Amino acid sequence: MDMPLPLGAHLDELRRVLIRPVIVLVVTFIVAFMFQAPLKELMLDPLWRAIDILRESKPEVLTGTGLPFHRGDGRLLVTLSLGESATTAMKISLLAAIFVTVPVILHGLWRFVSRGLTATERRAAFLFVPAGLLLFYAGVITGYLFALPYFYVFLIDFQAMDTTAVFQLRQSDYVDTFMLWTVSFGLVCDIPWAVMILVRTGIVSIAALNKGRRYVLMVNLVLAACLTPTGDPASLLAMFIPMQIFFEIGLLLSRFVQPRARIDA
């Protein structure tokens, strides 16, 4: 039987485990910053695809907002301070570095934590942790490729109807919204995984979740309101409905992973 290590030894081991992710994060950030111009173009791609959609369906909307009709016709974003472009480059470089480093962090933490788990717990964690990571990245990619362009179409169309304001898209505002929604899509796709983890670990039971569904609905509504940058009802529903659907999916799948002692009738 393994002898328990003192607290100092555990902390020293944790420090060694975290060194590699920190190094990967720093190196990846430096490399990403060197390629910040292509990263900015990648960040703008959903907006350009929204413009392509509007050009084919509602060209008058683009005319009303003053946005260019084709890539290369003009710049989309404006900056209002001298350091705004550099700050934006640092933000998107850090986001790219975090996306690359998260698997390394989880692998290091797994090596640290797994030694104190039983064989059954290790098998369950080995199944659930990669699943959560894959679902997060799947949500990020799906949101980037499909959800963001149509969300931008709605926002541009709404902006075109406002005859009281001149439309200018600030770079810092755009990157903040892009980062918020990109991460949000990943987290929303992780809702079934989170529900399954709660049930599997015995923190809550399926019966309790069924009984408290109305509270879950209210929590999802509040979270959707916090994650929606514009605050309009359409955007709120666009975030809330998938959250509620994914909760129901997680609740359904939890029946296959719940502990035997907690199997509901």
Protein backbone atom coordinates (compact mmCIF):
# COMPACT_ATOMS: atom_id res chain seq x y z
CA MET A 1 0.00 0.00 0.00
CA ASP A 2 1.31 3.45 -0.89
CA MET A 3 2.30 5.60 2.06
CA PRO A 4 0.55 8.99 2.16
CA LEU A 5 2.83 11.88 1.32
CA PRO A 6 3.11 14.96 3.56
CA LEU A 7 1.43 18.18 2.46
CA GLY A 8 4.73 19.77 1.42
CA ALA A 9 5.52 16.85 -0.88
CA HIS A 10 2.06 17.14 -2.48
CA LEU A 11 2.53 20.86 -3.06
CA ASP A 12 5.97 20.29 -4.55
CA GLU A 13 4.57 17.63 -6.86
CA LEU A 14 1.72 19.96 -7.90
CA ARG A 15 4.26 22.68 -8.68
CA ARG A 16 6.18 20.32 -10.95
CA VAL A 17 2.94 19.25 -12.64
CA LEU A 18 1.99 22.86 -13.40
CA ILE A 19 5.39 23.91 -14.75
CA ARG A 20 4.85 22.26 -18.14
CA PRO A 21 1.42 23.87 -18.79
CA VAL A 22 2.81 27.29 -17.85
CA ILE A 23 5.73 26.85 -20.25
CA VAL A 24 3.37 25.68 -23.01
CA LEU A 25 1.06 28.65 -22.35
CA VAL A 26 3.89 31.19 -22.53
CA VAL A 27 5.49 29.67 -25.64
CA THR A 28 2.13 29.31 -27.41
CA PHE A 29 1.21 32.90 -26.55
CA ILE A 30 4.49 34.18 -28.02
CA VAL A 31 4.02 32.14 -31.19
CA ALA A 32 0.38 33.23 -31.51
CA PHE A 33 1.37 36.88 -31.04
CA MET A 34 3.84 36.51 -33.89
CA PHE A 35 0.90 35.45 -36.06
CA GLN A 36 -1.59 37.94 -34.63
CA ALA A 37 -2.51 39.33 -38.07
CA PRO A 38 -3.78 35.94 -39.40
CA LEU A 39 -5.52 35.38 -36.05
CA LYS A 40 -7.36 38.68 -36.45
CA GLU A 41 -8.49 37.61 -39.93
CA LEU A 42 -9.64 34.30 -38.47
CA MET A 43 -11.58 36.20 -35.83
CA LEU A 44 -13.26 38.31 -38.51
CA ASP A 45 -14.23 35.36 -40.72
CA PRO A 46 -17.69 34.81 -39.11
CA LEU A 47 -18.48 38.49 -39.68
CA TRP A 48 -17.39 38.31 -43.32
CA ARG A 49 -19.57 35.23 -43.80
CA ALA A 50 -22.47 37.16 -42.29
CA ILE A 51 -21.82 39.91 -44.83
CA ASP A 52 -21.79 37.28 -47.61
CA ILE A 53 -25.20 36.05 -46.42
CA LEU A 54 -26.64 39.56 -46.32
CA ARG A 55 -25.16 40.45 -49.72
CA GLU A 56 -27.15 37.60 -51.26
CA SER A 57 -30.37 38.08 -49.28
CA LYS A 58 -30.58 41.70 -48.08
CA PRO A 59 -28.03 43.95 -49.80
CA GLU A 60 -29.92 47.04 -48.64
CA VAL A 61 -28.96 46.16 -45.05
CA LEU A 62 -25.27 46.46 -45.89
CA THR A 63 -25.94 49.76 -47.62
CA GLY A 64 -27.77 51.03 -44.53
CA THR A 65 -24.89 50.19 -42.21
CA GLY A 66 -22.08 51.21 -44.57
CA LEU A 67 -20.37 47.82 -44.34
CA PRO A 68 -18.32 46.69 -47.36
CA PHE A 69 -19.94 44.21 -49.74
CA HIS A 70 -16.85 42.09 -50.43
CA ARG A 71 -13.69 41.08 -48.62
CA GLY A 72 -10.98 43.53 -49.49
CA ASP A 73 -13.38 46.40 -50.21
CA GLY A 74 -12.53 48.07 -46.92
CA ARG A 75 -11.73 47.56 -43.25
CA LEU A 76 -14.50 46.41 -40.96
CA LEU A 77 -13.27 47.60 -37.58
CA VAL A 78 -12.27 50.96 -36.16
CA THR A 79 -9.88 51.72 -33.29
CA LEU A 80 -10.31 54.69 -30.99
CA SER A 81 -7.04 54.56 -29.07
CA LEU A 82 -3.38 54.15 -29.93
CA GLY A 83 -2.94 50.89 -28.05
CA GLU A 84 -6.23 49.25 -29.01
CA SER A 85 -4.80 47.17 -31.86
CA ALA A 86 -1.98 45.85 -29.64
CA THR A 87 -4.43 45.02 -26.85
CA THR A 88 -6.64 43.14 -29.30
CA ALA A 89 -3.64 41.17 -30.56
CA MET A 90 -2.76 40.19 -26.99
CA LYS A 91 -6.33 39.10 -26.25
CA ILE A 92 -6.70 36.81 -29.25
CA SER A 93 -3.17 35.45 -28.77
CA LEU A 94 -3.98 34.61 -25.16
CA LEU A 95 -7.27 32.98 -26.20
CA ALA A 96 -5.45 30.82 -28.77
CA ALA A 97 -2.79 29.90 -26.19
CA ILE A 98 -5.42 28.89 -23.64
CA PHE A 99 -7.23 26.69 -26.16
CA VAL A 100 -3.94 24.91 -26.91
CA THR A 101 -2.86 24.64 -23.27
CA VAL A 102 -6.09 23.35 -21.66
CA PRO A 103 -5.45 19.69 -22.65
CA VAL A 104 -1.90 19.94 -21.25
CA ILE A 105 -3.26 21.37 -17.98
CA LEU A 106 -5.86 18.62 -17.68
CA HIS A 107 -3.29 15.94 -18.41
CA GLY A 108 -1.00 17.28 -15.71
CA LEU A 109 -3.82 17.52 -13.18
CA TRP A 110 -4.92 14.01 -14.10
CA ARG A 111 -1.44 12.67 -13.34
CA PHE A 112 -1.53 14.46 -9.98
CA VAL A 113 -5.06 13.48 -8.93
CA SER A 114 -5.27 9.95 -10.35
CA ARG A 115 -2.80 8.57 -7.81
CA GLY A 116 -5.33 9.14 -5.04
CA LEU A 117 -8.26 7.54 -6.87
CA THR A 118 -9.47 3.99 -6.84
CA ALA A 119 -9.38 1.91 -10.02
CA THR A 120 -13.13 2.46 -10.54
CA GLU A 121 -12.80 6.21 -10.06
CA ARG A 122 -9.85 6.34 -12.48
CA ARG A 123 -11.84 4.53 -15.17
CA ALA A 124 -14.82 6.89 -14.72
CA ALA A 125 -12.62 10.01 -14.76
CA PHE A 126 -10.68 8.77 -17.78
CA LEU A 127 -14.00 8.45 -19.61
CA PHE A 128 -15.61 11.72 -18.51
CA VAL A 129 -12.70 14.21 -18.64
CA PRO A 130 -11.82 13.72 -22.35
CA ALA A 131 -15.55 13.72 -23.17
CA GLY A 132 -16.01 17.11 -21.53
CA LEU A 133 -13.00 18.53 -23.37
CA LEU A 134 -14.15 17.18 -26.74
CA LEU A 135 -17.67 18.54 -26.23
CA PHE A 136 -16.25 21.97 -25.36
CA TYR A 137 -14.12 22.12 -28.50
CA ALA A 138 -17.02 20.78 -30.59
CA GLY A 139 -19.20 23.59 -29.27
CA VAL A 140 -16.54 26.20 -30.02
CA ILE A 141 -16.09 24.97 -33.60
CA THR A 142 -19.83 24.63 -34.23
CA GLY A 143 -20.50 28.10 -32.88
CA TYR A 144 -17.68 29.61 -34.91
CA LEU A 145 -18.69 27.96 -38.18
CA PHE A 146 -22.47 28.10 -38.00
CA ALA A 147 -23.97 30.05 -35.09
CA LEU A 148 -21.85 33.21 -35.09
CA PRO A 149 -22.40 34.18 -38.77
CA TYR A 150 -26.20 34.02 -38.41
CA PHE A 151 -26.06 35.77 -35.06
CA TYR A 152 -24.12 38.57 -36.72
CA VAL A 153 -26.67 38.64 -39.55
CA PHE A 154 -29.39 39.30 -37.00
CA LEU A 155 -27.40 42.03 -35.25
CA ILE A 156 -26.43 43.79 -38.48
CA ASP A 157 -30.05 43.65 -39.69
CA PHE A 158 -31.22 45.10 -36.37
CA GLN A 159 -28.58 47.84 -36.54
CA ALA A 160 -29.66 48.80 -40.08
CA MET A 161 -33.15 49.59 -38.78
CA ASP A 162 -31.76 52.12 -36.31
CA THR A 163 -31.97 55.47 -38.09
CA THR A 164 -30.74 57.43 -35.08
CA ALA A 165 -27.12 56.22 -35.02
CA VAL A 166 -24.11 55.96 -37.32
CA PHE A 167 -22.79 52.42 -37.35
CA GLN A 168 -19.12 51.91 -36.45
CA LEU A 169 -17.81 48.58 -35.23
CA ARG A 170 -15.06 49.09 -32.67
CA GLN A 171 -12.29 46.50 -32.65
CA SER A 172 -12.15 46.07 -28.88
CA ASP A 173 -15.94 45.59 -28.65
CA TYR A 174 -15.91 43.05 -31.45
CA VAL A 175 -13.10 40.93 -29.98
CA ASP A 176 -14.74 40.93 -26.52
CA THR A 177 -18.06 39.77 -27.99
CA PHE A 178 -16.31 37.20 -30.18
CA MET A 179 -14.41 35.73 -27.22
CA LEU A 180 -17.49 35.70 -24.98
CA TRP A 181 -19.69 33.93 -27.51
CA THR A 182 -17.01 31.51 -28.68
CA VAL A 183 -16.35 30.32 -25.13
CA SER A 184 -20.09 30.33 -24.36
CA PHE A 185 -20.85 27.96 -27.24
CA GLY A 186 -18.25 25.56 -25.86
CA LEU A 187 -19.65 25.75 -22.32
CA VAL A 188 -23.23 25.26 -23.53
CA CYS A 189 -22.22 22.04 -25.28
CA ASP A 190 -20.69 20.87 -21.98
CA ILE A 191 -24.03 21.08 -20.14
CA PRO A 192 -24.96 17.39 -20.78
CA TRP A 193 -21.50 16.39 -19.56
CA ALA A 194 -21.87 18.52 -16.41
CA VAL A 195 -25.29 17.01 -15.63
CA MET A 196 -23.90 13.50 -16.07
CA ILE A 197 -20.96 14.28 -13.76
CA LEU A 198 -23.30 15.59 -11.05
CA VAL A 199 -25.43 12.46 -11.24
CA ARG A 200 -22.51 10.05 -11.52
CA THR A 201 -20.73 11.48 -8.47
CA GLY A 202 -23.94 11.40 -6.45
CA ILE A 203 -24.07 15.15 -5.85
CA VAL A 204 -27.64 15.18 -7.16
CA SER A 205 -30.04 12.48 -8.26
CA ILE A 206 -32.13 12.30 -11.40
CA ALA A 207 -35.27 12.52 -9.27
CA ALA A 208 -34.01 15.76 -7.68
CA LEU A 209 -33.21 17.25 -11.09
CA ASN A 210 -36.64 16.29 -12.38
CA LYS A 211 -38.29 17.86 -9.35
CA GLY A 212 -36.17 21.02 -9.61
CA ARG A 213 -36.54 21.49 -13.36
CA ARG A 214 -38.26 24.87 -12.94
CA TYR A 215 -35.28 26.13 -10.92
CA VAL A 216 -32.91 24.90 -13.62
CA LEU A 217 -35.00 26.79 -16.15
CA MET A 218 -34.66 30.00 -14.15
CA VAL A 219 -30.89 29.50 -13.73
CA ASN A 220 -30.47 28.92 -17.46
CA LEU A 221 -32.50 32.05 -18.17
CA VAL A 222 -30.31 34.15 -15.87
CA LEU A 223 -27.11 32.68 -17.33
CA ALA A 224 -28.36 33.29 -20.87
CA ALA A 225 -29.08 36.92 -19.96
CA CYS A 226 -25.54 37.29 -18.56
CA LEU A 227 -23.96 35.73 -21.65
CA THR A 228 -26.02 37.73 -24.15
CA PRO A 229 -24.12 40.92 -25.00
CA THR A 230 -27.02 42.77 -26.62
CA GLY A 231 -29.77 41.95 -24.12
CA ASP A 232 -32.51 41.78 -26.76
CA PRO A 233 -35.14 39.00 -26.45
CA ALA A 234 -34.13 37.24 -29.70
CA SER A 235 -30.48 36.90 -28.61
CA LEU A 236 -31.59 35.82 -25.15
CA LEU A 237 -33.74 33.03 -26.57
CA ALA A 238 -30.97 32.04 -29.00
CA MET A 239 -28.78 31.28 -25.99
CA PHE A 240 -31.45 30.03 -23.56
CA ILE A 241 -33.15 27.45 -25.79
CA PRO A 242 -29.96 25.44 -26.55
CA MET A 243 -29.01 25.55 -22.86
CA GLN A 244 -32.35 24.07 -21.84
CA ILE A 245 -32.25 21.46 -24.61
CA PHE A 246 -28.74 20.37 -23.63
CA PHE A 247 -29.85 20.10 -20.00
CA GLU A 248 -32.66 17.76 -21.02
CA ILE A 249 -30.21 15.71 -23.10
CA GLY A 250 -27.86 15.45 -20.13
CA LEU A 251 -30.74 14.42 -17.88
CA LEU A 252 -31.69 11.68 -20.32
CA LEU A 253 -28.14 10.37 -20.71
CA SER A 254 -27.60 10.43 -16.95
CA ARG A 255 -29.85 7.39 -16.62
CA PHE A 256 -27.07 5.34 -18.19
CA VAL A 257 -24.31 6.49 -15.81
CA GLN A 258 -26.02 6.92 -12.44
CA PRO A 259 -24.68 4.84 -9.56
CA ARG A 260 -26.63 1.64 -9.03
CA ALA A 261 -27.50 2.62 -5.48
CA ARG A 262 -29.25 5.73 -6.84
CA ILE A 263 -31.18 4.19 -9.72
CA ASP A 264 -34.54 5.89 -9.73
CA ALA A 265 -37.73 3.95 -10.03
